């Protein structure tokens, strides 16, 4: 099976995630009556098994790659009982849902935010090889960007966090070549038209959502804190290009309630409180409800050098 045909690890469904979460060699059984109270939508069951996001699971169903009790199901919205029905993806039986796991990774530059890369470049999965955790990235950081990347096998949460309606805040430190004028920054704060999709795809232009932009180091090539509630492809770089400035560095230091506190190339598992706060953030809220987070002292790897004012929200670094 080619990488494109594999089940997705990326919540946007662009990259393959292997055939993890399925088990071979289990026979079919005869249909039985099912208590409808225990039935769930097929895409939710597949996502819960950790083999694909809910969005990608819908694609698997629509393309005829899912069977329930020996019958191919292609209708979206179909339901099954994960405890009683035999559900197969690409001919292989789903295991029982895995325990969900959630990790914060500080992605370094020069690493691709995908499960696999056809060009053979290193991917974020290399940081989880020894751990043995079957997880995939939530959203993206481009090849040259670095910082906080959420990794999980919770396809349902991943899909919610990356949906256009979630408006979960992402906080970045951005170094810009040259000083943008204040009117240019105001334009970026209100929203600007940028190229849609990847460079050269010519998919048209799209308006960005309003952003919060604050100067945190005033030099010839200044640093800004940029807070977005969406995640378009290379959005920050494209925004500043629209006002005539090249972005030299992008570092994500916040994702909803999470604040980066591990060094580049390192990761840690989220605790129960962090997972709860993340799920709460995913359940919120329209743009009119977005509020400015409380500021706390800056600490750990999310900081710039010492002379930067303490402006980024932070949490105490993990012990050990």
Protein backbone atom coordinates (compact mmCIF):
# COMPACT_ATOMS: atom_id res chain seq x y z
CA UNK A 1 0.00 0.00 0.00
CA UNK A 2 1.39 3.41 -0.96
CA UNK A 3 1.82 6.16 1.66
CA UNK A 4 -1.09 8.09 0.15
CA UNK A 5 -3.36 5.09 0.61
CA UNK A 6 -2.46 4.56 4.22
CA UNK A 7 -4.77 5.66 6.94
CA UNK A 8 -4.13 9.24 7.97
CA UNK A 9 -2.03 10.38 10.91
CA UNK A 10 -2.47 14.07 10.01
CA UNK A 11 -5.80 15.52 11.24
CA UNK A 12 -6.18 17.28 7.85
CA UNK A 13 -5.89 13.92 6.11
CA UNK A 14 -2.87 14.74 3.90
CA UNK A 15 -0.39 12.22 5.20
CA UNK A 16 -0.47 8.50 5.91
CA UNK A 17 -0.41 7.01 9.36
CA UNK A 18 0.20 3.36 8.57
CA UNK A 19 -2.12 0.52 9.48
CA UNK A 20 -1.85 1.01 13.20
CA UNK A 21 -4.88 0.27 15.28
CA UNK A 22 -6.03 -2.73 13.23
CA UNK A 23 -5.51 -6.41 13.78
CA UNK A 24 -5.30 -9.25 11.27
CA UNK A 25 -6.64 -12.76 11.40
CA UNK A 26 -9.98 -12.30 13.14
CA UNK A 27 -12.95 -13.94 11.50
CA UNK A 28 -16.31 -12.41 10.78
CA UNK A 29 -19.36 -13.29 12.82
CA UNK A 30 -23.07 -13.42 12.13
CA UNK A 31 -25.12 -10.25 12.59
CA UNK A 32 -26.80 -9.87 15.94
CA UNK A 33 -29.38 -7.42 17.18
CA UNK A 34 -27.67 -4.35 18.57
CA UNK A 35 -28.80 -2.06 21.32
CA UNK A 36 -29.04 1.30 19.59
CA UNK A 37 -28.00 3.04 22.78
CA UNK A 38 -24.51 1.60 22.34
CA UNK A 39 -24.19 2.55 18.69
CA UNK A 40 -21.80 5.27 17.51
CA UNK A 41 -21.03 6.80 14.17
CA UNK A 42 -18.46 4.76 12.28
CA UNK A 43 -16.09 7.69 11.80
CA UNK A 44 -16.05 8.27 15.56
CA UNK A 45 -15.24 4.59 16.23
CA UNK A 46 -12.38 4.64 13.71
CA UNK A 47 -10.99 7.84 15.20
CA UNK A 48 -11.23 6.38 18.71
CA UNK A 49 -9.14 3.41 17.55
CA UNK A 50 -6.33 5.87 16.87
CA UNK A 51 -5.85 5.08 13.19
CA UNK A 52 -7.23 8.27 11.65
CA UNK A 53 -8.85 11.59 12.42
CA UNK A 54 -12.61 11.68 12.17
CA UNK A 55 -12.40 13.66 8.93
CA UNK A 56 -10.08 11.10 7.35
CA UNK A 57 -12.27 8.28 8.66
CA UNK A 58 -15.14 9.75 6.66
CA UNK A 59 -12.97 9.50 3.54
CA UNK A 60 -12.18 5.86 4.32
CA UNK A 61 -15.90 5.10 4.63
CA UNK A 62 -16.89 6.96 1.47
CA UNK A 63 -14.20 5.17 -0.54
CA UNK A 64 -15.54 1.74 0.44
CA UNK A 65 -12.62 0.73 2.67
CA UNK A 66 -14.75 0.02 5.76
CA UNK A 67 -16.82 -3.09 6.49
CA UNK A 68 -19.25 -3.83 9.31
CA UNK A 69 -20.01 -7.48 9.92
CA UNK A 70 -18.80 -8.35 6.43
CA UNK A 71 -20.82 -5.67 4.64
CA UNK A 72 -19.11 -2.70 2.98
CA UNK A 73 -20.46 0.58 4.32
CA UNK A 74 -20.14 3.77 2.27
CA UNK A 75 -22.89 5.93 3.74
CA UNK A 76 -21.66 8.64 6.08
CA UNK A 77 -23.58 8.70 9.34
CA UNK A 78 -23.82 4.90 9.53
CA UNK A 79 -23.57 3.56 13.05
CA UNK A 80 -22.20 0.46 14.74
CA UNK A 81 -21.56 -0.92 18.20
CA UNK A 82 -17.79 -0.94 18.80
CA UNK A 83 -18.14 -3.61 21.49
CA UNK A 84 -20.22 -6.09 19.45
CA UNK A 85 -19.81 -5.39 15.75
CA UNK A 86 -16.89 -6.57 13.65
CA UNK A 87 -15.48 -3.46 11.99
CA UNK A 88 -12.73 -3.75 9.39
CA UNK A 89 -10.63 -1.08 7.69
CA UNK A 90 -8.86 -2.24 4.53
CA UNK A 91 -9.78 -5.80 5.50
CA UNK A 92 -8.25 -5.67 8.96
CA UNK A 93 -10.17 -5.83 12.20
CA UNK A 94 -10.22 -2.81 14.46
CA UNK A 95 -8.80 -3.31 17.88
CA UNK A 96 -10.59 -1.97 20.91
CA UNK A 97 -10.02 1.75 21.37
CA UNK A 98 -6.58 2.59 22.66
CA UNK A 99 -5.96 4.67 25.72
CA UNK A 100 -5.66 8.23 24.54
CA UNK A 101 -2.28 9.86 25.01
CA UNK A 102 -1.28 13.49 24.61
CA UNK A 103 2.22 14.91 24.17
CA UNK A 104 3.83 18.30 23.81
CA UNK A 105 6.78 18.28 21.39
CA UNK A 106 9.17 21.15 20.77
CA UNK A 107 9.62 20.64 17.03
CA UNK A 108 13.02 21.82 15.80
CA UNK A 109 13.60 23.37 12.39
CA UNK A 110 14.33 20.97 9.54
CA UNK A 111 11.70 18.41 10.56
CA UNK A 112 8.46 17.75 8.66
CA UNK A 113 5.13 17.77 10.52
CA UNK A 114 3.81 14.57 8.96
CA UNK A 115 3.70 10.87 9.73
CA UNK A 116 5.75 10.03 6.61
CA UNK A 117 7.51 12.06 3.93
CA UNK A 118 7.89 10.95 0.30
CA UNK A 119 11.10 12.97 0.01
CA UNK A 120 12.71 11.06 2.85
CA UNK A 121 13.09 14.05 5.16
CA UNK A 122 12.98 13.48 8.94
CA UNK A 123 9.49 13.71 10.41
CA UNK A 124 8.18 14.41 13.89
CA UNK A 125 7.53 10.68 14.31
CA UNK A 126 11.24 10.08 14.92
CA UNK A 127 10.86 11.56 18.40
CA UNK A 128 8.33 8.86 19.32
CA UNK A 129 10.03 5.74 17.92
CA UNK A 130 11.43 4.51 21.22
CA UNK A 131 8.32 5.46 23.13
CA UNK A 132 6.17 3.19 20.99
CA UNK A 133 3.22 5.58 21.26
CA UNK A 134 0.95 5.57 18.21
CA UNK A 135 0.27 9.29 17.85
CA UNK A 136 -0.01 11.85 15.06
CA UNK A 137 0.48 15.63 14.88
CA UNK A 138 -2.38 18.04 15.50
CA UNK A 139 -2.13 20.75 12.87
CA UNK A 140 1.16 21.75 11.30
CA UNK A 141 4.35 23.70 11.72
CA UNK A 142 6.18 24.21 8.45
CA UNK A 143 9.64 22.79 7.77
CA UNK A 144 11.51 25.94 8.84
CA UNK A 145 9.31 26.76 11.84
CA UNK A 146 9.78 25.41 15.34
CA UNK A 147 8.05 25.17 18.67
CA UNK A 148 5.03 23.63 20.33
CA UNK A 149 3.37 20.77 18.49
CA UNK A 150 0.60 18.70 20.04
CA UNK A 151 0.79 14.94 19.33
CA UNK A 152 -2.03 12.53 20.18
CA UNK A 153 -3.98 9.45 19.12
CA UNK A 154 -7.26 11.16 20.01
CA UNK A 155 -8.65 11.71 16.53
CA UNK A 156 -11.84 13.32 17.77
CA UNK A 157 -10.02 16.00 19.76
CA UNK A 158 -7.50 16.54 16.95
CA UNK A 159 -10.29 17.15 14.47
CA UNK A 160 -12.00 19.63 16.80
CA UNK A 161 -8.81 21.55 17.53
CA UNK A 162 -7.98 21.94 13.84
CA UNK A 163 -11.51 22.80 12.66
CA UNK A 164 -12.13 26.33 11.46
CA UNK A 165 -14.81 26.82 14.10
CA UNK A 166 -12.68 26.00 17.14
CA UNK A 167 -10.85 29.37 17.37
CA UNK A 168 -8.27 27.91 19.75
CA UNK A 169 -5.51 30.47 20.17
CA UNK A 170 -1.98 29.76 18.96
CA UNK A 171 0.81 32.04 20.19
CA UNK A 172 4.00 32.62 18.20
CA UNK A 173 7.25 34.52 18.54
CA UNK A 174 8.09 35.97 15.14
CA UNK A 175 11.32 37.64 13.99
CA UNK A 176 10.83 39.95 11.02
CA UNK A 177 13.37 41.37 8.59
CA UNK A 178 13.08 45.15 8.83
CA UNK A 179 10.60 47.24 10.82
CA UNK A 180 6.99 47.18 9.64
CA UNK A 181 5.21 50.53 9.94
CA UNK A 182 2.44 50.79 12.50
CA UNK A 183 -0.22 51.12 9.80
CA UNK A 184 1.06 47.85 8.27
CA UNK A 185 0.74 46.11 11.63
CA UNK A 186 -2.79 47.48 12.01
CA UNK A 187 -3.61 46.01 8.63
CA UNK A 188 -2.36 42.60 9.79
CA UNK A 189 -4.35 42.90 13.02
CA UNK A 190 -7.56 43.52 11.06
CA UNK A 191 -6.87 40.79 8.49
CA UNK A 192 -5.26 40.69 5.04
CA UNK A 193 -5.72 38.74 1.85
CA UNK A 194 -3.11 35.99 1.42
CA UNK A 195 -2.53 33.19 -1.07
CA UNK A 196 -4.56 30.09 -0.23
CA UNK A 197 -2.78 26.73 0.10
CA UNK A 198 0.82 25.91 -0.70
CA UNK A 199 3.11 28.05 -2.78
CA UNK A 200 2.55 27.63 -6.51
CA UNK A 201 -0.81 25.86 -6.17
CA UNK A 202 -2.75 28.95 -7.27
CA UNK A 203 -5.83 28.19 -5.22
CA UNK A 204 -6.84 31.84 -4.99
CA UNK A 205 -6.70 34.25 -2.08
CA UNK A 206 -8.36 34.21 1.32
CA UNK A 207 -8.82 36.74 4.14
CA UNK A 208 -7.08 36.03 7.44
CA UNK A 209 -8.90 36.28 10.77
CA UNK A 210 -8.03 39.22 13.04
CA UNK A 211 -4.76 38.72 14.92
CA UNK A 212 -3.16 40.16 18.04
CA UNK A 213 0.34 41.49 17.36
CA UNK A 214 2.64 43.02 20.00
CA UNK A 215 6.23 44.21 19.75
CA UNK A 216 8.45 42.35 22.23
CA UNK A 217 11.92 43.36 21.02
CA UNK A 218 12.53 46.60 19.20
CA UNK A 219 15.62 46.16 16.99
CA UNK A 220 16.44 46.56 13.31
CA UNK A 221 14.92 43.08 12.86
CA UNK A 222 12.26 43.09 15.59
CA UNK A 223 10.49 40.25 17.39
CA UNK A 224 6.71 40.18 17.71
CA UNK A 225 4.23 38.11 19.63
CA UNK A 226 1.50 37.01 17.21
CA UNK A 227 -1.68 35.31 18.40
CA UNK A 228 -3.91 33.62 15.82
CA UNK A 229 -7.18 31.72 16.09
CA UNK A 230 -6.69 29.78 12.84
CA UNK A 231 -3.94 27.83 11.13
CA UNK A 232 -3.71 28.42 7.41
CA UNK A 233 -0.69 27.14 5.48
CA UNK A 234 2.38 29.33 6.27
CA UNK A 235 -0.04 31.99 7.44
CA UNK A 236 2.31 34.21 9.45
CA UNK A 237 4.96 34.24 6.73
CA UNK A 238 2.37 35.13 4.10
CA UNK A 239 0.83 37.85 6.28
CA UNK A 240 4.09 39.73 6.72
CA UNK A 241 4.99 39.23 3.06
CA UNK A 242 1.77 41.07 2.16
CA UNK A 243 3.10 44.19 3.93
CA UNK A 244 6.59 43.83 2.45
CA UNK A 245 8.53 42.02 5.18
CA UNK A 246 10.26 38.65 5.19
CA UNK A 247 9.82 36.45 8.28
CA UNK A 248 13.17 35.12 9.52
CA UNK A 249 11.95 32.92 12.37
CA UNK A 250 8.67 31.49 13.63
CA UNK A 251 8.44 29.77 17.00
CA UNK A 252 5.12 28.59 18.41
CA UNK A 253 5.12 28.96 22.19
CA UNK A 254 1.44 28.51 23.04
CA UNK A 255 -1.46 26.30 21.95
CA UNK A 256 -4.68 27.12 23.81
CA UNK A 257 -3.88 26.63 27.51
CA UNK A 258 -0.52 24.95 26.78
CA UNK A 259 2.74 26.89 26.96
CA UNK A 260 6.01 25.52 25.62
CA UNK A 261 8.32 24.36 28.41
CA UNK A 262 10.60 21.74 26.82
CA UNK A 263 13.78 22.24 24.79
CA UNK A 264 13.98 21.67 20.99
CA UNK A 265 13.68 18.00 20.05
CA UNK A 266 12.25 17.05 23.44
CA UNK A 267 8.71 16.09 24.40
CA UNK A 268 6.67 15.30 27.46
CA UNK A 269 3.27 13.78 28.15
CA UNK A 270 0.50 16.13 29.24
CA UNK A 271 -0.98 15.69 32.70
CA UNK A 272 -4.70 15.24 33.37
CA UNK A 273 -5.29 18.90 34.16
CA UNK A 274 -3.67 20.03 30.90
CA UNK A 275 -5.74 17.56 28.88
CA UNK A 276 -8.89 18.76 30.61
CA UNK A 277 -8.06 22.41 29.87
CA UNK A 278 -7.28 21.54 26.25
CA UNK A 279 -10.62 19.79 25.80
CA UNK A 280 -12.39 22.73 27.40
CA UNK A 281 -10.66 25.10 24.98
CA UNK A 282 -11.71 22.88 22.06
CA UNK A 283 -15.37 23.15 23.12
CA UNK A 284 -15.29 26.95 22.99
CA UNK A 285 -16.16 29.51 21.14
CA UNK A 286 -16.82 32.09 18.49
CA UNK A 287 -14.35 34.85 17.70
CA UNK A 288 -16.40 37.40 19.58
CA UNK A 289 -15.71 35.42 22.77
CA UNK A 290 -11.95 35.24 22.36
CA UNK A 291 -10.41 36.94 25.34
CA UNK A 292 -6.87 37.88 26.13
CA UNK A 293 -5.25 35.29 28.44
CA UNK A 294 -3.89 36.32 31.80
CA UNK A 295 -0.20 37.14 31.67
CA UNK A 296 2.19 35.25 33.87
CA UNK A 297 5.96 35.40 34.14
CA UNK A 298 7.80 34.03 31.13
CA UNK A 299 9.85 30.91 31.81
CA UNK A 300 11.61 28.01 30.13
CA UNK A 301 12.30 27.50 26.42
CA UNK A 302 9.38 29.73 25.38
CA UNK A 303 11.50 32.76 26.28
CA UNK A 304 13.70 34.93 24.16
CA UNK A 305 17.05 36.15 25.53
CA UNK A 306 17.00 37.97 28.87
CA UNK A 307 16.45 41.49 27.62
CA UNK A 308 13.01 40.62 26.20
CA UNK A 309 10.13 42.00 28.32
CA UNK A 310 8.13 39.35 30.16
CA UNK A 311 5.06 39.24 27.95
CA UNK A 312 4.29 35.65 27.02
CA UNK A 313 1.95 33.64 29.20
CA UNK A 314 3.77 30.75 30.84
CA UNK A 315 3.48 27.83 33.17
CA UNK A 316 5.99 26.38 35.54
CA UNK A 317 8.43 24.04 33.76
CA UNK A 318 7.80 20.34 34.25
CA UNK A 319 9.89 18.89 37.03
CA UNK A 320 12.62 16.46 36.09
